[in-house]
Amino acid sequence: MSHIVNLVTFDEKIEVGPDETILEIALEENISYPYGCASGNCGACKSRLILGNVEMRSHSSFALTDDERARGIILACRAEPRSDCTLAVMNYDDALSHPLKQLQGEVISVQKLTHDIAAIRLRLSEPLEYTAGQFASVAFPGFPARDYSFATPPMDNEIEFHIRRMGDQGVSAFVFDELEVGELVAVHGPKGFAFLREQETGPIFAVAGGSGLAPIRAILTAALNHSKTTQRPINLWFGARTESDIYLEEELKALQSACPSFKADIVLSEATDDSLRRTGLVTEAIRSDLEKLGTQALDGARAYLAGPPKMVEAAQEIFTAAGLDNSRIHADAFYTEEDKAALDITR
């Protein structure tokens, strides 16, 4: 049975059917609902249920706590209506209003950054407004659309994505092995809530795992361009498995040389015995460093996290335990299609 959902924030009503979420239908109706992972991990689509009942699919306790649920707060990406409902988006004043566009892009370069990550640069049919940290849905020829984060701040009508090869089949394998300059692709965006709060000057704590460095690189570049005169403290932890998984290191070194307030740490989880880098889980390095910095270092800070879901969730827990309010932690967990399917099965 379908139910009518009144979205008072947008002065819109949508009809949501059985086994559909509020966010799914809102996006189909081209409503600019704020969201990030769409998988119950980041909290970007947090909303207040004013009237009605919903059933919540599985979600992270950091995206929505038990106390918040008891106070009538839901995640639109995990909420299936069980009656007609009325709800309002929380913290909507913090959302962006870049217009959603469906554009055509032409591949102008394909660069292998590591053994399994490629940088894809597109020239769009017209400029696309977005803020560093956001993403877009990209459809390569013959494949369904997938979400990829912008790897640079806005730059005229060119955009860049970093895409990791996730196996021998599917979109990522095609992009890494076969995509050629001149191919035409469809781009729909911008999307996402884990974007840089550009007007702030407080400290930034950034965490990237694997190709999660793409949106973090865009955020750091934009933030450092804005803060060279204010010396805004910015810390990055980049987690990789081995030396062969590290990329953009020279660029990070150049940023550190140009901006003394920026500090980058690369942490290897599967380092060789002779490695001179920090080793272990990147989240343990974060925990150790935050203990040394003390709670005062978190005053006015924002944390931006991107990469594997387990890393993102662990980092969220560490920053929360250190005293950073959850509303100031912005997560972009990189779910595979298999991850998403598993989350939807477990309700």
Protein backbone atom coordinates (compact mmCIF):
# COMPACT_ATOMS: atom_id res chain seq x y z
CA MET A 1 0.00 0.00 0.00
CA SER A 2 1.32 3.45 -0.93
CA HIS A 3 1.36 6.37 1.47
CA ILE A 4 1.49 10.13 0.98
CA VAL A 5 4.49 11.88 2.54
CA ASN A 6 4.26 15.63 3.10
CA LEU A 7 7.75 17.17 2.88
CA VAL A 8 7.10 20.50 4.57
CA THR A 9 10.67 21.72 4.01
CA PHE A 10 10.07 21.71 0.25
CA ASP A 11 6.27 22.27 0.24
CA GLU A 12 5.98 19.02 -1.72
CA LYS A 13 4.00 15.79 -1.35
CA ILE A 14 5.20 12.46 -2.69
CA GLU A 15 3.64 9.01 -2.93
CA VAL A 16 5.85 6.27 -1.51
CA GLY A 17 5.02 2.66 -2.29
CA PRO A 18 5.73 -0.57 -0.41
CA ASP A 19 9.42 -1.33 0.07
CA GLU A 20 10.38 2.17 -1.09
CA THR A 21 12.16 4.75 1.04
CA ILE A 22 11.25 8.39 1.36
CA LEU A 23 14.61 9.47 -0.06
CA GLU A 24 14.34 7.19 -3.10
CA ILE A 25 11.06 8.74 -4.19
CA ALA A 26 12.07 12.29 -3.29
CA LEU A 27 15.10 11.99 -5.57
CA GLU A 28 13.00 10.43 -8.34
CA GLU A 29 10.78 13.51 -8.11
CA ASN A 30 13.91 15.70 -8.47
CA ILE A 31 13.52 17.14 -4.96
CA SER A 32 16.84 18.44 -3.63
CA TYR A 33 16.75 16.35 -0.45
CA PRO A 34 20.14 16.44 1.28
CA TYR A 35 21.84 13.05 1.39
CA GLY A 36 25.25 11.46 1.27
CA CYS A 37 25.77 7.70 1.42
CA ALA A 38 22.07 6.79 0.97
CA SER A 39 22.88 3.71 3.05
CA GLY A 40 22.24 4.80 6.63
CA ASN A 41 25.80 5.59 7.57
CA CYS A 42 26.32 9.37 7.29
CA GLY A 43 23.20 11.04 8.73
CA ALA A 44 22.97 13.65 5.98
CA CYS A 45 19.27 12.95 5.35
CA LYS A 46 18.30 13.19 9.02
CA SER A 47 14.70 14.41 9.32
CA ARG A 48 12.08 15.00 12.00
CA LEU A 49 8.94 12.86 11.73
CA ILE A 50 6.11 15.24 12.65
CA LEU A 51 3.17 12.91 11.93
CA GLY A 52 2.84 9.27 10.93
CA ASN A 53 4.84 6.06 11.27
CA VAL A 54 7.83 4.63 9.41
CA GLU A 55 9.81 1.42 9.53
CA MET A 56 13.55 1.94 9.56
CA ARG A 57 15.94 -0.27 7.62
CA SER A 58 19.29 -1.09 9.20
CA HIS A 59 21.56 1.90 9.82
CA SER A 60 24.62 3.01 11.73
CA SER A 61 24.13 4.11 15.32
CA PHE A 62 26.38 7.08 14.51
CA ALA A 63 24.08 8.23 11.73
CA LEU A 64 21.07 7.96 14.05
CA THR A 65 21.27 7.20 17.76
CA ASP A 66 18.62 5.42 19.81
CA ASP A 67 17.97 8.67 21.65
CA GLU A 68 17.34 10.50 18.38
CA ARG A 69 14.94 7.79 17.22
CA ALA A 70 13.05 8.09 20.50
CA ARG A 71 12.68 11.83 19.79
CA GLY A 72 11.07 11.20 16.41
CA ILE A 73 14.12 11.66 14.20
CA ILE A 74 14.56 9.40 11.17
CA LEU A 75 16.87 8.85 8.21
CA ALA A 76 14.98 9.43 4.98
CA CYS A 77 17.24 6.95 3.15
CA ARG A 78 16.19 4.12 5.49
CA ALA A 79 12.58 5.08 6.24
CA GLU A 80 9.67 3.15 4.69
CA PRO A 81 6.32 4.82 5.49
CA ARG A 82 3.70 2.70 7.25
CA SER A 83 1.10 5.48 7.15
CA ASP A 84 0.70 8.92 5.62
CA CYS A 85 3.50 11.05 7.06
CA THR A 86 4.65 14.61 7.53
CA LEU A 87 8.33 15.37 8.03
CA ALA A 88 10.88 18.17 7.93
CA VAL A 89 14.56 18.02 7.03
CA MET A 90 16.86 18.80 9.93
CA ASN A 91 19.70 21.32 9.57
CA TYR A 92 18.45 22.24 6.11
CA ASP A 93 19.95 25.72 6.44
CA ASP A 94 23.32 23.95 6.21
CA ALA A 95 22.42 22.36 2.89
CA LEU A 96 23.48 23.59 -0.51
CA SER A 97 21.24 24.71 -3.33
CA HIS A 98 23.35 24.05 -6.42
CA PRO A 99 20.95 23.16 -9.26
CA LEU A 100 20.87 19.49 -10.25
CA LYS A 101 21.91 19.10 -13.88
CA GLN A 102 21.94 16.23 -16.35
CA LEU A 103 24.94 16.88 -18.57
CA GLN A 104 26.99 15.14 -21.23
CA GLY A 105 30.71 14.79 -20.69
CA GLU A 106 33.56 13.74 -22.97
CA VAL A 107 36.51 11.82 -21.59
CA ILE A 108 39.61 13.94 -22.17
CA SER A 109 42.14 11.93 -20.15
CA VAL A 110 42.56 8.59 -18.40
CA GLN A 111 45.52 8.41 -16.02
CA LYS A 112 46.51 5.36 -13.96
CA LEU A 113 47.36 6.63 -10.47
CA THR A 114 48.02 3.22 -8.88
CA HIS A 115 47.70 -0.43 -9.88
CA ASP A 116 43.92 -0.18 -9.35
CA ILE A 117 42.93 3.54 -9.29
CA ALA A 118 42.45 5.65 -12.42
CA ALA A 119 41.87 9.41 -12.68
CA ILE A 120 39.19 10.19 -15.26
CA ARG A 121 38.85 13.76 -16.47
CA LEU A 122 35.75 14.90 -18.38
CA ARG A 123 34.91 18.02 -20.33
CA LEU A 124 31.25 18.88 -19.77
CA SER A 125 28.81 20.41 -22.21
CA GLU A 126 28.47 23.32 -19.75
CA PRO A 127 29.93 24.23 -16.33
CA LEU A 128 28.59 22.38 -13.29
CA GLU A 129 28.33 24.22 -9.98
CA TYR A 130 29.27 22.15 -6.94
CA THR A 131 31.16 22.39 -3.67
CA ALA A 132 34.25 20.34 -2.83
CA GLY A 133 33.22 17.09 -1.16
CA GLN A 134 30.14 16.47 -3.30
CA PHE A 135 29.64 13.74 -5.91
CA ALA A 136 27.75 12.97 -9.11
CA SER A 137 26.13 9.97 -10.75
CA VAL A 138 28.11 8.99 -13.84
CA ALA A 139 26.91 6.60 -16.56
CA PHE A 140 29.61 5.18 -18.83
CA PRO A 141 28.58 3.64 -22.18
CA GLY A 142 26.68 0.39 -21.69
CA PHE A 143 26.67 0.53 -17.89
CA PRO A 144 24.28 1.76 -15.19
CA ALA A 145 25.10 5.01 -13.41
CA ARG A 146 27.38 4.91 -10.38
CA ASP A 147 28.20 7.61 -7.84
CA TYR A 148 31.72 9.12 -7.87
CA SER A 149 33.12 12.00 -5.84
CA PHE A 150 34.63 15.06 -7.49
CA ALA A 151 38.41 14.91 -7.06
CA THR A 152 38.99 18.66 -7.51
CA PRO A 153 37.21 21.88 -6.59
CA PRO A 154 35.11 23.36 -9.43
CA MET A 155 37.18 24.27 -12.53
CA ASP A 156 35.21 25.73 -15.45
CA ASN A 157 33.61 22.89 -17.42
CA GLU A 158 36.05 20.13 -16.49
CA ILE A 159 35.61 17.56 -13.71
CA GLU A 160 37.74 14.71 -12.42
CA PHE A 161 36.94 11.41 -10.68
CA HIS A 162 39.19 8.76 -9.16
CA ILE A 163 37.77 5.29 -9.80
CA ARG A 164 39.07 2.13 -8.18
CA ARG A 165 38.97 -1.19 -10.05
CA MET A 166 36.82 -3.44 -7.85
CA GLY A 167 37.05 -6.71 -9.80
CA ASP A 168 37.19 -8.19 -13.27
CA GLN A 169 33.64 -7.30 -14.24
CA GLY A 170 31.41 -4.23 -14.23
CA VAL A 171 31.85 -0.50 -14.47
CA SER A 172 35.13 -0.11 -12.61
CA ALA A 173 36.88 -2.82 -14.64
CA PHE A 174 35.68 -1.20 -17.88
CA VAL A 175 36.86 2.23 -16.76
CA PHE A 176 40.28 0.99 -15.66
CA ASP A 177 40.93 -1.41 -18.55
CA GLU A 178 39.02 -0.12 -21.58
CA LEU A 179 37.79 3.47 -21.26
CA GLU A 180 39.26 5.68 -23.97
CA VAL A 181 39.60 9.39 -24.58
CA GLY A 182 36.65 10.65 -26.59
CA GLU A 183 34.01 8.42 -24.94
CA LEU A 184 30.77 10.23 -24.06
CA VAL A 185 29.28 9.81 -20.58
CA ALA A 186 26.23 11.14 -18.73
CA VAL A 187 26.74 13.13 -15.52
CA HIS A 188 23.94 13.93 -13.04
CA GLY A 189 24.73 16.14 -10.07
CA PRO A 190 25.88 17.60 -7.85
CA LYS A 191 24.83 15.49 -4.88
CA GLY A 192 25.99 14.87 -1.34
CA PHE A 193 26.13 16.52 2.06
CA ALA A 194 29.75 15.87 3.10
CA PHE A 195 30.90 19.10 1.48
CA LEU A 196 33.36 21.71 2.73
CA ARG A 197 31.79 24.39 4.89
CA GLU A 198 33.63 27.12 3.05
CA GLN A 199 32.83 30.06 5.31
CA GLU A 200 34.33 28.47 8.43
CA THR A 201 37.90 28.96 9.59
CA GLY A 202 38.10 26.33 12.34
CA PRO A 203 40.37 23.28 12.24
CA ILE A 204 39.78 20.52 9.69
CA PHE A 205 40.42 16.86 10.41
CA ALA A 206 40.32 14.80 7.21
CA VAL A 207 40.47 11.03 6.88
CA ALA A 208 40.79 9.16 3.58
CA GLY A 209 41.03 5.50 2.75
CA GLY A 210 41.99 4.32 -0.75
CA SER A 211 40.18 6.28 -3.47
CA GLY A 212 38.42 8.16 -0.67
CA LEU A 213 41.32 10.53 -1.12
CA ALA A 214 39.45 11.98 -4.14
CA PRO A 215 36.80 14.05 -2.29
CA ILE A 216 39.24 14.75 0.56
CA ARG A 217 41.76 16.12 -1.95
CA ALA A 218 39.05 18.43 -3.33
CA ILE A 219 38.12 19.59 0.18
CA LEU A 220 41.72 20.19 1.24
CA THR A 221 42.60 22.07 -1.94
CA ALA A 222 39.58 24.35 -1.59
CA ALA A 223 40.15 24.90 2.14
CA LEU A 224 43.84 25.67 1.75
CA ASN A 225 43.12 28.10 -1.08
CA HIS A 226 40.78 29.95 1.28
CA SER A 227 42.96 29.80 4.35
CA LYS A 228 46.54 30.60 3.33
CA THR A 229 46.36 33.92 5.16
CA THR A 230 44.59 32.59 8.27
CA GLN A 231 46.80 29.52 8.77
CA ARG A 232 43.79 27.32 9.42
CA PRO A 233 44.93 24.06 11.09
CA ILE A 234 44.30 21.12 8.74
CA ASN A 235 45.23 17.50 9.47
CA LEU A 236 44.95 14.61 7.00
CA TRP A 237 45.30 10.91 7.70
CA PHE A 238 45.50 8.81 4.53
CA GLY A 239 45.18 5.07 5.03
CA ALA A 240 46.47 2.60 2.44
CA ARG A 241 47.39 -1.07 2.46
CA THR A 242 50.87 -1.07 0.88
CA GLU A 243 53.27 1.29 -0.86
CA SER A 244 51.64 0.45 -4.20
CA ASP A 245 48.31 1.85 -2.97
CA ILE A 246 49.67 5.33 -2.20
CA TYR A 247 49.00 8.12 -4.67
CA LEU A 248 49.16 11.94 -4.84
CA GLU A 249 52.01 11.91 -2.32
CA GLU A 250 54.03 14.55 -4.14
CA GLU A 251 50.97 16.77 -4.34
CA LEU A 252 50.41 16.40 -0.59
CA LYS A 253 54.05 17.29 0.07
CA ALA A 254 53.70 20.40 -2.11
CA LEU A 255 50.61 21.47 -0.15
CA GLN A 256 52.52 21.04 3.12
CA SER A 257 55.41 23.15 1.82
CA ALA A 258 53.05 25.91 0.67
CA CYS A 259 50.88 25.84 3.81
CA PRO A 260 52.67 25.12 7.12
CA SER A 261 49.28 24.77 8.84
CA PHE A 262 48.61 21.59 6.81
CA LYS A 263 49.90 18.24 8.06
CA ALA A 264 49.49 14.95 6.19
CA ASP A 265 50.17 11.45 7.54
CA ILE A 266 50.20 8.32 5.39
CA VAL A 267 49.53 5.11 7.32
CA LEU A 268 50.06 1.60 5.90
CA SER A 269 48.04 -1.31 7.24
CA GLU A 270 50.12 -3.98 5.45
CA ALA A 271 53.57 -2.44 5.41
CA THR A 272 56.75 -4.42 4.84
CA ASP A 273 59.17 -4.85 7.73
CA ASP A 274 61.56 -2.27 6.30
CA SER A 275 58.91 0.44 5.83
CA LEU A 276 59.72 3.83 7.36
CA ARG A 277 56.08 4.96 7.36
CA ARG A 278 53.53 4.80 10.13
CA THR A 279 51.98 1.36 10.23
CA GLY A 280 48.78 -0.21 11.47
CA LEU A 281 45.17 0.86 11.06
CA VAL A 282 44.73 4.51 10.14
CA THR A 283 42.01 4.80 12.78
CA GLU A 284 44.47 3.84 15.51
CA ALA A 285 46.83 6.57 14.28
CA ILE A 286 43.93 9.04 14.52
CA ARG A 287 43.10 7.93 18.04
CA SER A 288 46.71 8.31 19.15
CA ASP A 289 47.13 11.74 17.56
CA LEU A 290 43.88 13.10 18.98
CA GLU A 291 44.92 12.03 22.47
CA LYS A 292 48.15 14.00 22.04
CA LEU A 293 46.39 17.07 20.63
CA GLY A 294 43.83 17.25 23.43
CA THR A 295 40.19 18.31 23.37
CA GLN A 296 41.02 21.99 22.78
CA ALA A 297 42.19 21.10 19.27
CA LEU A 298 38.58 20.18 18.43
CA ASP A 299 37.17 23.63 19.21
CA GLY A 300 35.31 24.82 16.12
CA ALA A 301 36.55 21.84 14.12
CA ARG A 302 34.94 19.80 11.35
CA ALA A 303 35.86 16.25 10.39
CA TYR A 304 35.55 15.00 6.80
CA LEU A 305 35.77 11.24 6.26
CA ALA A 306 35.79 9.26 3.00
CA GLY A 307 36.59 5.67 2.14
CA PRO A 308 35.62 2.14 3.17
CA PRO A 309 32.51 1.98 5.41
CA LYS A 310 34.25 0.19 8.30
CA MET A 311 37.02 2.79 8.37
CA VAL A 312 34.51 5.66 8.19
CA GLU A 313 32.39 4.28 11.01
CA ALA A 314 35.42 3.60 13.22
CA ALA A 315 36.70 7.13 12.60
CA GLN A 316 33.28 8.59 13.44
CA GLU A 317 33.37 6.73 16.75
CA ILE A 318 36.87 8.00 17.55
CA PHE A 319 36.05 11.65 16.82
CA THR A 320 32.81 11.44 18.79
CA ALA A 321 34.60 9.86 21.77
CA ALA A 322 37.24 12.62 21.57
CA GLY A 323 34.51 15.25 22.01
CA LEU A 324 33.56 16.35 18.47
CA ASP A 325 29.80 16.69 18.06
CA ASN A 326 28.35 14.24 15.54
CA SER A 327 26.79 17.12 13.58
CA ARG A 328 30.30 18.32 12.74
CA ILE A 329 31.43 14.97 11.34
CA HIS A 330 30.71 14.56 7.62
CA ALA A 331 31.03 11.08 6.20
CA ASP A 332 31.23 9.79 2.63
CA ALA A 333 31.38 6.01 2.91
CA PHE A 334 32.27 4.27 -0.36
CA TYR A 335 29.78 1.40 -0.58
CA THR A 336 30.07 -1.18 -3.33
CA GLU A 337 26.88 -2.39 -5.01
CA GLU A 338 27.26 -5.61 -2.99
CA ASP A 339 27.50 -3.57 0.24
CA LYS A 340 24.29 -1.73 -0.64
CA ALA A 341 22.45 -4.93 -1.47
CA ALA A 342 23.46 -6.48 1.85
CA LEU A 343 22.26 -3.42 3.75
CA ASP A 344 18.87 -3.56 2.03
CA ILE A 345 18.47 -7.25 2.79
CA THR A 346 19.14 -6.79 6.51
CA ARG A 347 16.34 -4.61 7.85
